[in-house]
C-alpha atoms as a PDB file:
ATOM      1  CA  MET A   1       4.685  37.903  13.938  1.00  0.00           C
ATOM      2  CA  SER A   2       8.705  36.571  13.239  1.00  0.00           C
ATOM      3  CA  GLU A   3      10.081  37.503   9.659  1.00  0.00           C
ATOM      4  CA  ARG A   4       9.835  35.516   7.101  1.00  0.00           C
ATOM      5  CA  LYS A   5      13.112  33.752   6.253  1.00  0.00           C
ATOM      6  CA  ILE A   6      14.578  32.547   3.066  1.00  0.00           C
ATOM      7  CA  VAL A   7      15.818  28.622   3.278  1.00  0.00           C
ATOM      8  CA  LEU A   8      18.250  26.958   1.075  1.00  0.00           C
ATOM      9  CA  LYS A   9      19.518  23.321   0.576  1.00  0.00           C
ATOM     10  CA  LYS A  10      22.411  24.044   2.691  1.00  0.00           C
ATOM     11  CA  ASP A  11      20.284  25.234   5.311  1.00  0.00           C
ATOM     12  CA  LEU A  12      18.515  22.084   5.439  1.00  0.00           C
ATOM     13  CA  ILE A  13      21.306  19.764   5.347  1.00  0.00           C
ATOM     14  CA  SER A  14      23.143  22.275   7.927  1.00  0.00           C
ATOM     15  CA  GLY A  15      20.045  21.913  10.067  1.00  0.00           C
ATOM     16  CA  PHE A  16      19.869  17.975   9.539  1.00  0.00           C
ATOM     17  CA  GLU A  17      23.148  17.293  10.389  1.00  0.00           C
ATOM     18  CA  LYS A  18      23.164  19.578  13.550  1.00  0.00           C
ATOM     19  CA  ILE A  19      20.237  17.131  15.241  1.00  0.00           C
ATOM     20  CA  GLY A  20      21.989  14.649  14.534  1.00  0.00           C
ATOM     21  CA  LEU A  21      20.560  12.921  11.216  1.00  0.00           C
ATOM     22  CA  LYS A  22      23.326  10.859   9.757  1.00  0.00           C
ATOM     23  CA  LYS A  23      24.549   8.550   6.822  1.00  0.00           C
ATOM     24  CA  GLY A  24      22.782   5.480   7.341  1.00  0.00           C
ATOM     25  CA  ASP A  25      19.805   6.586   9.061  1.00  0.00           C
ATOM     26  CA  ASN A  26      16.454   4.867   8.778  1.00  0.00           C
ATOM     27  CA  VAL A  27      14.220   8.456   9.721  1.00  0.00           C
ATOM     28  CA  ILE A  28      10.458   8.752   9.392  1.00  0.00           C
ATOM     29  CA  VAL A  29       9.694  12.190   8.388  1.00  0.00           C
ATOM     30  CA  HIS A  30       6.730  14.603   9.435  1.00  0.00           C
ATOM     31  CA  THR A  31       6.823  18.030   7.181  1.00  0.00           C
ATOM     32  CA  SER A  32       5.445  21.696   7.274  1.00  0.00           C
ATOM     33  CA  LEU A  33       6.838  23.408   4.316  1.00  0.00           C
ATOM     34  CA  LYS A  34       5.008  26.679   5.016  1.00  0.00           C
ATOM     35  CA  SER A  35       6.620  26.894   8.791  1.00  0.00           C
ATOM     36  CA  PHE A  36      10.046  26.982   7.135  1.00  0.00           C
ATOM     37  CA  GLY A  37       9.407  30.614   5.549  1.00  0.00           C
ATOM     38  CA  PHE A  38      10.146  30.601   1.921  1.00  0.00           C
ATOM     39  CA  VAL A  39      12.094  27.288   0.853  1.00  0.00           C
ATOM     40  CA  CYS A  40      13.963  27.990  -2.195  1.00  0.00           C
ATOM     41  CA  GLY A  41      13.482  24.996  -4.418  1.00  0.00           C
ATOM     42  CA  GLY A  42      10.095  23.876  -2.340  1.00  0.00           C
ATOM     43  CA  PRO A  43       9.335  20.460  -1.461  1.00  0.00           C
ATOM     44  CA  GLN A  44      12.083  19.041  -3.835  1.00  0.00           C
ATOM     45  CA  ILE A  45      15.115  20.582  -2.291  1.00  0.00           C
ATOM     46  CA  VAL A  46      13.698  19.605   1.251  1.00  0.00           C
ATOM     47  CA  ILE A  47      13.665  15.480  -0.026  1.00  0.00           C
ATOM     48  CA  GLU A  48      16.953  16.059  -1.450  1.00  0.00           C
ATOM     49  CA  ALA A  49      18.683  17.701   1.443  1.00  0.00           C
ATOM     50  CA  LEU A  50      17.000  14.305   3.606  1.00  0.00           C
ATOM     51  CA  LEU A  51      18.601  11.961   0.902  1.00  0.00           C
ATOM     52  CA  GLU A  52      22.083  13.658   0.618  1.00  0.00           C
ATOM     53  CA  THR A  53      22.053  13.740   4.460  1.00  0.00           C
ATOM     54  CA  VAL A  54      21.234  10.063   5.002  1.00  0.00           C
ATOM     55  CA  GLY A  55      23.399   8.974   2.043  1.00  0.00           C
ATOM     56  CA  GLU A  56      22.988   6.084  -0.052  1.00  0.00           C
ATOM     57  CA  THR A  57      22.788   3.435   2.714  1.00  0.00           C
ATOM     58  CA  GLY A  58      20.218   5.665   4.604  1.00  0.00           C
ATOM     59  CA  THR A  59      16.192   5.318   3.866  1.00  0.00           C
ATOM     60  CA  ILE A  60      13.495   7.631   4.541  1.00  0.00           C
ATOM     61  CA  MET A  61      10.002   7.001   5.045  1.00  0.00           C
ATOM     62  CA  MET A  62       7.089   9.242   5.158  1.00  0.00           C
ATOM     63  CA  PRO A  63       3.147   8.870   5.631  1.00  0.00           C
ATOM     64  CA  THR A  64       1.378   9.202   2.312  1.00  0.00           C
ATOM     65  CA  GLN A  65      -2.445   8.460   3.806  1.00  0.00           C
ATOM     66  CA  THR A  66      -5.518   8.686   1.641  1.00  0.00           C
ATOM     67  CA  TRP A  67      -8.216   8.819   4.669  1.00  0.00           C
ATOM     68  CA  LYS A  68     -10.610  10.173   2.074  1.00  0.00           C
ATOM     69  CA  ASN A  69     -11.022   6.525   0.635  1.00  0.00           C
ATOM     70  CA  LEU A  70     -13.032   5.837   3.879  1.00  0.00           C
ATOM     71  CA  ASP A  71     -16.764   5.534   4.554  1.00  0.00           C
ATOM     72  CA  PRO A  72     -18.397   8.701   5.190  1.00  0.00           C
ATOM     73  CA  THR A  73     -19.832   7.501   8.083  1.00  0.00           C
ATOM     74  CA  ALA A  74     -16.067   8.023   9.734  1.00  0.00           C
ATOM     75  CA  GLY A  75     -16.572  11.305   9.015  1.00  0.00           C
ATOM     76  CA  VAL A  76     -13.819  12.033   6.326  1.00  0.00           C
ATOM     77  CA  HIS A  77     -16.689  13.372   4.037  1.00  0.00           C
ATOM     78  CA  TRP A  78     -17.681  15.763   6.641  1.00  0.00           C
ATOM     79  CA  GLU A  79     -18.210  18.899   3.832  1.00  0.00           C
ATOM     80  CA  GLU A  80     -20.723  16.719   1.934  1.00  0.00           C
ATOM     81  CA  PRO A  81     -24.323  16.004   2.718  1.00  0.00           C
ATOM     82  CA  LYS A  82     -25.697  12.912   3.877  1.00  0.00           C
ATOM     83  CA  GLU A  83     -27.204  12.099   0.874  1.00  0.00           C
ATOM     84  CA  TRP A  84     -24.538  11.822  -0.747  1.00  0.00           C
ATOM     85  CA  TRP A  85     -23.120   8.620   1.098  1.00  0.00           C
ATOM     86  CA  ASP A  86     -23.850   6.009  -1.066  1.00  0.00           C
ATOM     87  CA  LEU A  87     -22.401   7.680  -4.206  1.00  0.00           C
ATOM     88  CA  ILE A  88     -19.411   8.399  -2.516  1.00  0.00           C
ATOM     89  CA  ARG A  89     -19.091   4.718  -1.701  1.00  0.00           C
ATOM     90  CA  GLN A  90     -20.191   3.647  -5.241  1.00  0.00           C
ATOM     91  CA  ASN A  91     -18.048   5.658  -6.980  1.00  0.00           C
ATOM     92  CA  TRP A  92     -14.954   6.693  -5.151  1.00  0.00           C
ATOM     93  CA  PRO A  93     -11.968   5.722  -7.125  1.00  0.00           C
ATOM     94  CA  ALA A  94      -9.710   2.129  -5.830  1.00  0.00           C
ATOM     95  CA  TYR A  95      -6.456   3.136  -4.414  1.00  0.00           C
ATOM     96  CA  ASP A  96      -3.463   3.037  -6.597  1.00  0.00           C
ATOM     97  CA  LYS A  97      -0.601   3.335  -4.920  1.00  0.00           C
ATOM     98  CA  ASN A  98       1.085   4.608  -8.000  1.00  0.00           C
ATOM     99  CA  ILE A  99      -1.973   7.512  -8.504  1.00  0.00           C
ATOM    100  CA  THR A 100      -3.491   8.122  -5.773  1.00  0.00           C
ATOM    101  CA  PRO A 101      -2.924  11.406  -4.211  1.00  0.00           C
ATOM    102  CA  THR A 102      -2.117  11.700  -0.411  1.00  0.00           C
ATOM    103  CA  ASN A 103      -4.995  14.003   1.989  1.00  0.00           C
ATOM    104  CA  THR A 104      -3.502  16.703   4.044  1.00  0.00           C
ATOM    105  CA  MET A 105      -0.095  14.649   4.309  1.00  0.00           C
ATOM    106  CA  GLY A 106       1.799  18.239   2.870  1.00  0.00           C
ATOM    107  CA  ALA A 107       3.699  18.953  -0.461  1.00  0.00           C
ATOM    108  CA  VAL A 108       6.800  17.234   0.647  1.00  0.00           C
ATOM    109  CA  ALA A 109       5.071  14.018   1.092  1.00  0.00           C
ATOM    110  CA  GLU A 110       2.959  14.112  -1.985  1.00  0.00           C
ATOM    111  CA  MET A 111       6.388  14.481  -4.136  1.00  0.00           C
ATOM    112  CA  PHE A 112       7.950  11.987  -1.928  1.00  0.00           C
ATOM    113  CA  ARG A 113       5.737   9.411  -2.792  1.00  0.00           C
ATOM    114  CA  LYS A 114       6.090  10.098  -7.042  1.00  0.00           C
ATOM    115  CA  TRP A 115      10.316  10.298  -6.453  1.00  0.00           C
ATOM    116  CA  PRO A 116      12.281   8.263  -8.503  1.00  0.00           C
ATOM    117  CA  GLY A 117      12.839   4.865  -6.786  1.00  0.00           C
ATOM    118  CA  ALA A 118      10.146   5.173  -3.777  1.00  0.00           C
ATOM    119  CA  VAL A 119       8.009   2.579  -3.167  1.00  0.00           C
ATOM    120  CA  ARG A 120       4.443   2.909  -1.228  1.00  0.00           C
ATOM    121  CA  SER A 121       2.685   0.337   0.800  1.00  0.00           C
ATOM    122  CA  ASP A 122      -0.723  -1.049  -0.449  1.00  0.00           C
ATOM    123  CA  HIS A 123      -2.850   0.537   2.405  1.00  0.00           C
ATOM    124  CA  PRO A 124      -5.706   2.218   0.538  1.00  0.00           C
ATOM    125  CA  ALA A 125      -6.087   4.327   3.318  1.00  0.00           C
ATOM    126  CA  ARG A 126      -3.114   4.568   5.710  1.00  0.00           C
ATOM    127  CA  SER A 127      -0.093   4.059   3.135  1.00  0.00           C
ATOM    128  CA  LEU A 128       3.380   5.123   3.461  1.00  0.00           C
ATOM    129  CA  ALA A 129       6.062   5.527   1.434  1.00  0.00           C
ATOM    130  CA  ALA A 130       9.885   4.810   1.669  1.00  0.00           C
ATOM    131  CA  LEU A 131      13.204   5.430  -0.612  1.00  0.00           C
ATOM    132  CA  GLY A 132      16.727   3.709   0.544  1.00  0.00           C
ATOM    133  CA  PRO A 133      17.852   0.056   1.225  1.00  0.00           C
ATOM    134  CA  ASN A 134      15.311  -0.582   3.726  1.00  0.00           C
ATOM    135  CA  ALA A 135      12.225   0.594   1.931  1.00  0.00           C
ATOM    136  CA  GLU A 136      10.864  -2.967   0.188  1.00  0.00           C
ATOM    137  CA  TYR A 137      10.782  -3.940   3.551  1.00  0.00           C
ATOM    138  CA  LEU A 138       9.514  -1.051   5.394  1.00  0.00           C
ATOM    139  CA  VAL A 139       6.457  -0.902   3.327  1.00  0.00           C
ATOM    140  CA  LYS A 140       5.362  -4.667   2.184  1.00  0.00           C
ATOM    141  CA  ASP A 141       2.900  -6.334   3.438  1.00  0.00           C
ATOM    142  CA  HIS A 142       0.942  -3.721   5.177  1.00  0.00           C
ATOM    143  CA  ASP A 143      -2.000  -5.483   6.366  1.00  0.00           C
ATOM    144  CA  LEU A 144      -5.572  -3.751   6.124  1.00  0.00           C
ATOM    145  CA  SER A 145      -6.344  -4.502   9.590  1.00  0.00           C
ATOM    146  CA  ASP A 146      -2.578  -3.724  11.146  1.00  0.00           C
ATOM    147  CA  ILE A 147      -2.683   0.010   9.662  1.00  0.00           C
ATOM    148  CA  PHE A 148       0.019   0.936  12.837  1.00  0.00           C
ATOM    149  CA  GLY A 149       0.696  -2.186  14.372  1.00  0.00           C
ATOM    150  CA  GLU A 150       3.629  -5.153  14.913  1.00  0.00           C
ATOM    151  CA  THR A 151       3.470  -6.173  11.238  1.00  0.00           C
ATOM    152  CA  SER A 152       3.212  -2.034   9.993  1.00  0.00           C
ATOM    153  CA  PRO A 153       5.946   0.061   8.606  1.00  0.00           C
ATOM    154  CA  LEU A 154       6.429   1.720  11.957  1.00  0.00           C
ATOM    155  CA  ALA A 155       6.577  -1.373  13.175  1.00  0.00           C
ATOM    156  CA  LYS A 156       9.550  -2.358  11.087  1.00  0.00           C
ATOM    157  CA  LEU A 157      11.029   0.777  11.617  1.00  0.00           C
ATOM    158  CA  TYR A 158      11.312   0.260  15.491  1.00  0.00           C
ATOM    159  CA  LYS A 159      12.872  -3.073  14.772  1.00  0.00           C
ATOM    160  CA  LEU A 160      15.544  -0.851  12.643  1.00  0.00           C
ATOM    161  CA  ASP A 161      15.963   1.428  15.490  1.00  0.00           C
ATOM    162  CA  GLY A 162      14.884   4.636  13.502  1.00  0.00           C
ATOM    163  CA  LYS A 163      14.533   7.965  14.025  1.00  0.00           C
ATOM    164  CA  VAL A 164      11.723  10.493  14.016  1.00  0.00           C
ATOM    165  CA  LEU A 165      11.883  13.948  12.504  1.00  0.00           C
ATOM    166  CA  LEU A 166       9.629  16.593  13.004  1.00  0.00           C
ATOM    167  CA  LEU A 167      10.093  19.679  10.333  1.00  0.00           C
ATOM    168  CA  GLY A 168       8.017  22.072  11.789  1.00  0.00           C
ATOM    169  CA  THR A 169       4.832  20.065  12.684  1.00  0.00           C
ATOM    170  CA  GLY A 170       4.250  19.413  16.336  1.00  0.00           C
ATOM    171  CA  TYR A 171       3.440  15.630  18.060  1.00  0.00           C
ATOM    172  CA  ASP A 172      -0.007  15.144  16.840  1.00  0.00           C
ATOM    173  CA  LYS A 173       1.642  14.747  13.134  1.00  0.00           C
ATOM    174  CA  ASN A 174       4.027  12.177  14.837  1.00  0.00           C
ATOM    175  CA  THR A 175       2.473   9.234  13.610  1.00  0.00           C
ATOM    176  CA  SER A 176       4.674   6.563  15.391  1.00  0.00           C
ATOM    177  CA  ILE A 177       3.173   6.987  18.457  1.00  0.00           C
ATOM    178  CA  HIS A 178       0.349   5.012  17.189  1.00  0.00           C
ATOM    179  CA  LEU A 179       2.020   2.169  17.454  1.00  0.00           C
ATOM    180  CA  ALA A 180       2.152   2.996  21.072  1.00  0.00           C
ATOM    181  CA  ASP A 181      -1.571   2.676  20.756  1.00  0.00           C
ATOM    182  CA  VAL A 182      -1.292  -0.528  19.394  1.00  0.00           C
ATOM    183  CA  ARG A 183       0.665  -1.841  22.496  1.00  0.00           C
ATOM    184  CA  ALA A 184      -0.478   0.111  25.430  1.00  0.00           C
ATOM    185  CA  GLU A 185      -3.826  -1.624  27.409  1.00  0.00           C
ATOM    186  CA  TYR A 186      -6.338   1.017  28.357  1.00  0.00           C
ATOM    187  CA  PRO A 187     -10.025   1.043  29.127  1.00  0.00           C
ATOM    188  CA  SER A 188     -11.175   3.254  25.759  1.00  0.00           C
ATOM    189  CA  LYS A 189      -9.389   0.590  23.351  1.00  0.00           C
ATOM    190  CA  HIS A 190     -12.002  -0.821  20.841  1.00  0.00           C
ATOM    191  CA  TYR A 191     -11.474  -1.538  17.259  1.00  0.00           C
ATOM    192  CA  ALA A 192     -14.400  -0.829  14.483  1.00  0.00           C
ATOM    193  CA  ASN A 193     -14.678  -1.700  10.943  1.00  0.00           C
ATOM    194  CA  GLU A 194     -13.770   0.257   8.112  1.00  0.00           C
ATOM    195  CA  SER A 195     -13.934   0.523   4.440  1.00  0.00           C
ATOM    196  CA  SER A 196     -12.206   1.417   1.576  1.00  0.00           C
ATOM    197  CA  ALA A 197     -12.372   1.181  -2.611  1.00  0.00           C
ATOM    198  CA  MET A 198      -9.587  -1.528  -3.917  1.00  0.00           C
ATOM    199  CA  MET A 199      -8.717  -3.200  -6.523  1.00  0.00           C
ATOM    200  CA  VAL A 200      -9.703  -6.920  -5.867  1.00  0.00           C
ATOM    201  CA  ASN A 201      -8.607  -9.538  -8.983  1.00  0.00           C
ATOM    202  CA  GLY A 202      -8.572  -6.704 -11.316  1.00  0.00           C
ATOM    203  CA  LYS A 203     -12.493  -5.297  -9.924  1.00  0.00           C
ATOM    204  CA  ARG A 204     -13.126  -2.233  -7.819  1.00  0.00           C
ATOM    205  CA  LYS A 205     -14.685  -3.366  -4.573  1.00  0.00           C
ATOM    206  CA  TRP A 206     -15.586  -1.591  -1.478  1.00  0.00           C
ATOM    207  CA  VAL A 207     -13.752  -3.389   1.193  1.00  0.00           C
ATOM    208  CA  THR A 208     -14.185  -3.705   4.751  1.00  0.00           C
ATOM    209  CA  TYR A 209     -11.824  -4.671   7.805  1.00  0.00           C
ATOM    210  CA  GLU A 210     -11.675  -4.240  11.006  1.00  0.00           C
ATOM    211  CA  THR A 211      -8.873  -1.826  12.697  1.00  0.00           C
ATOM    212  CA  LEU A 212      -7.792  -0.311  15.931  1.00  0.00           C
ATOM    213  CA  VAL A 213      -9.814   3.097  16.453  1.00  0.00           C
ATOM    214  CA  VAL A 214      -7.159   5.590  16.998  1.00  0.00           C
ATOM    215  CA  ASP A 215      -7.785   9.634  16.787  1.00  0.00           C
ATOM    216  CA  GLY A 216      -3.985  10.838  18.227  1.00  0.00           C
ATOM    217  CA  GLU A 217      -6.287  13.950  20.402  1.00  0.00           C
ATOM    218  CA  ASP A 218      -3.273  13.255  23.631  1.00  0.00           C
ATOM    219  CA  PHE A 219      -0.284  13.328  21.350  1.00  0.00           C
ATOM    220  CA  GLU A 220       0.600  16.569  21.674  1.00  0.00           C
ATOM    221  CA  GLN A 221       0.552  15.773  25.509  1.00  0.00           C
ATOM    222  CA  ILE A 222       1.950  12.729  24.951  1.00  0.00           C
ATOM    223  CA  GLY A 223       5.224  15.112  23.098  1.00  0.00           C
ATOM    224  CA  ALA A 224       5.341  17.442  25.860  1.00  0.00           C
ATOM    225  CA  ALA A 225       6.000  14.781  28.670  1.00  0.00           C
ATOM    226  CA  PHE A 226       8.421  13.059  26.729  1.00  0.00           C
ATOM    227  CA  GLU A 227      10.466  16.317  26.146  1.00  0.00           C
ATOM    228  CA  GLU A 228      10.218  16.971  30.257  1.00  0.00           C
ATOM    229  CA  SER A 229      12.518  13.140  30.817  1.00  0.00           C
ATOM    230  CA  ASN A 230      14.100  12.458  27.170  1.00  0.00           C
ATOM    231  CA  PRO A 231      16.496  14.194  25.710  1.00  0.00           C
ATOM    232  CA  ILE A 232      15.881  15.212  22.034  1.00  0.00           C
ATOM    233  CA  SER A 233      18.089  17.530  19.388  1.00  0.00           C
ATOM    234  CA  VAL A 234      16.213  20.720  18.424  1.00  0.00           C
ATOM    235  CA  THR A 235      17.064  23.455  16.260  1.00  0.00           C
ATOM    236  CA  GLU A 236      15.574  26.347  14.142  1.00  0.00           C
ATOM    237  CA  ILE A 237      15.659  25.843  10.010  1.00  0.00           C
ATOM    238  CA  GLY A 238      14.327  29.266   8.867  1.00  0.00           C
ATOM    239  CA  ASN A 239      11.083  29.759  10.823  1.00  0.00           C
ATOM    240  CA  ALA A 240      10.686  26.091  11.436  1.00  0.00           C
ATOM    241  CA  THR A 241      11.377  24.265  14.805  1.00  0.00           C
ATOM    242  CA  VAL A 242      13.045  21.378  13.910  1.00  0.00           C
ATOM    243  CA  LYS A 243      13.271  17.919  16.217  1.00  0.00           C
ATOM    244  CA  CYS A 244      14.738  14.402  15.890  1.00  0.00           C
ATOM    245  CA  MET A 245      14.309  11.434  18.177  1.00  0.00           C
ATOM    246  CA  SER A 246      14.592   8.236  18.746  1.00  0.00           C
ATOM    247  CA  GLN A 247      11.100   6.199  17.530  1.00  0.00           C
ATOM    248  CA  ARG A 248      12.213   3.238  19.889  1.00  0.00           C
ATOM    249  CA  ALA A 249      12.026   5.721  22.897  1.00  0.00           C
ATOM    250  CA  ILE A 250       8.739   7.919  21.840  1.00  0.00           C
ATOM    251  CA  VAL A 251       6.813   4.945  21.371  1.00  0.00           C
ATOM    252  CA  ASP A 252       8.250   3.238  24.702  1.00  0.00           C
ATOM    253  CA  PHE A 253       7.418   6.270  26.478  1.00  0.00           C
ATOM    254  CA  ALA A 254       3.808   6.852  25.138  1.00  0.00           C
ATOM    255  CA  VAL A 255       2.909   3.109  25.448  1.00  0.00           C
ATOM    256  CA  LYS A 256       3.633   4.117  29.456  1.00  0.00           C
ATOM    257  CA  TRP A 257       2.052   7.486  29.131  1.00  0.00           C
ATOM    258  CA  ILE A 258      -1.192   6.041  27.353  1.00  0.00           C
ATOM    259  CA  GLU A 259      -1.511   3.344  29.784  1.00  0.00           C
ATOM    260  CA  ALA A 260      -1.071   5.603  32.990  1.00  0.00           C
ATOM    261  CA  ASN A 261      -3.399   8.790  31.519  1.00  0.00           C
ATOM    262  CA  ARG A 262      -6.531   7.278  29.072  1.00  0.00           C
ATOM    263  CA  LYS A 263      -9.436   5.869  30.724  1.00  0.00           C
END
C-alpha cells in the first residue's frame, strides 16, 4: 500500500493546470475525495481550486443525483424489506433542489450543490448542479424522460465542447457516457417507467415517467478502449490519478463502441 499523501490547494491547482484545465473551460467533474489521501481543507479546497483554475469565465458541473427517489422495485432500496415498499412510496420526501441531499455522489458534489451561486436541475432522481456563466443554460429544463439525452445537461455540455475531469474516479463514474447510451443503437436498448416523489402544483405526488434503461456496466471497458486510441491528459495529485478528456471525444467513441459490442 502506498504512503498516504497530503494535498494542498496549490497542489490541486497545479495538477489541474498540468492536465490542461484552463480559464473559460466548461467541465463536468467526478470526484473521489478519499482517493487523494489527506486533502487539507476537504471538499471546500477542491471546489475552490476548480473555480480558480477555470476562472470567472469557466463553468463547473457535477452530478448531484438523488436516485434513492425512485420506485423501490428499481432496486434502490435493496436494504429494506419488500413489505415496506408501499410506505416508502407514500412517504419519501418530494425532491427539492435546494434541500434534497445527493446519493453516493461524494462529499465534493454534496458541498458543491450548496455552493453560493450554484444552480441545480429539476430532475427528481438524476439532477446535476453547475456554477459559472453557462450554469443556467446547462441545468434548465431537465426533462423527466430525457435524463441523459439530447435536452439534458450532458448534451448541452457537448454543444459547448466541454471537458470531463475524473478526480480519482474510474470510467464507471463518467456520466457523460450515458449520452452515448442515448445516441447509440443496439439490440438490447429499451425503455422503462420510473417513478419519483415530486412537488406538483404545490402538492407532493408520486410521478411516473418513461426513461431509457441505463446501467453503466461496460463503462470501464469503454474507457480502457478509449484510452488505447485517444490521447487524454493524466497526472497524479496526492494518491489520486486524475484524468482530463474532451467530452465530445469520449461520447463519440462510446457511441461506436456500444454499437459494435453491446448485444
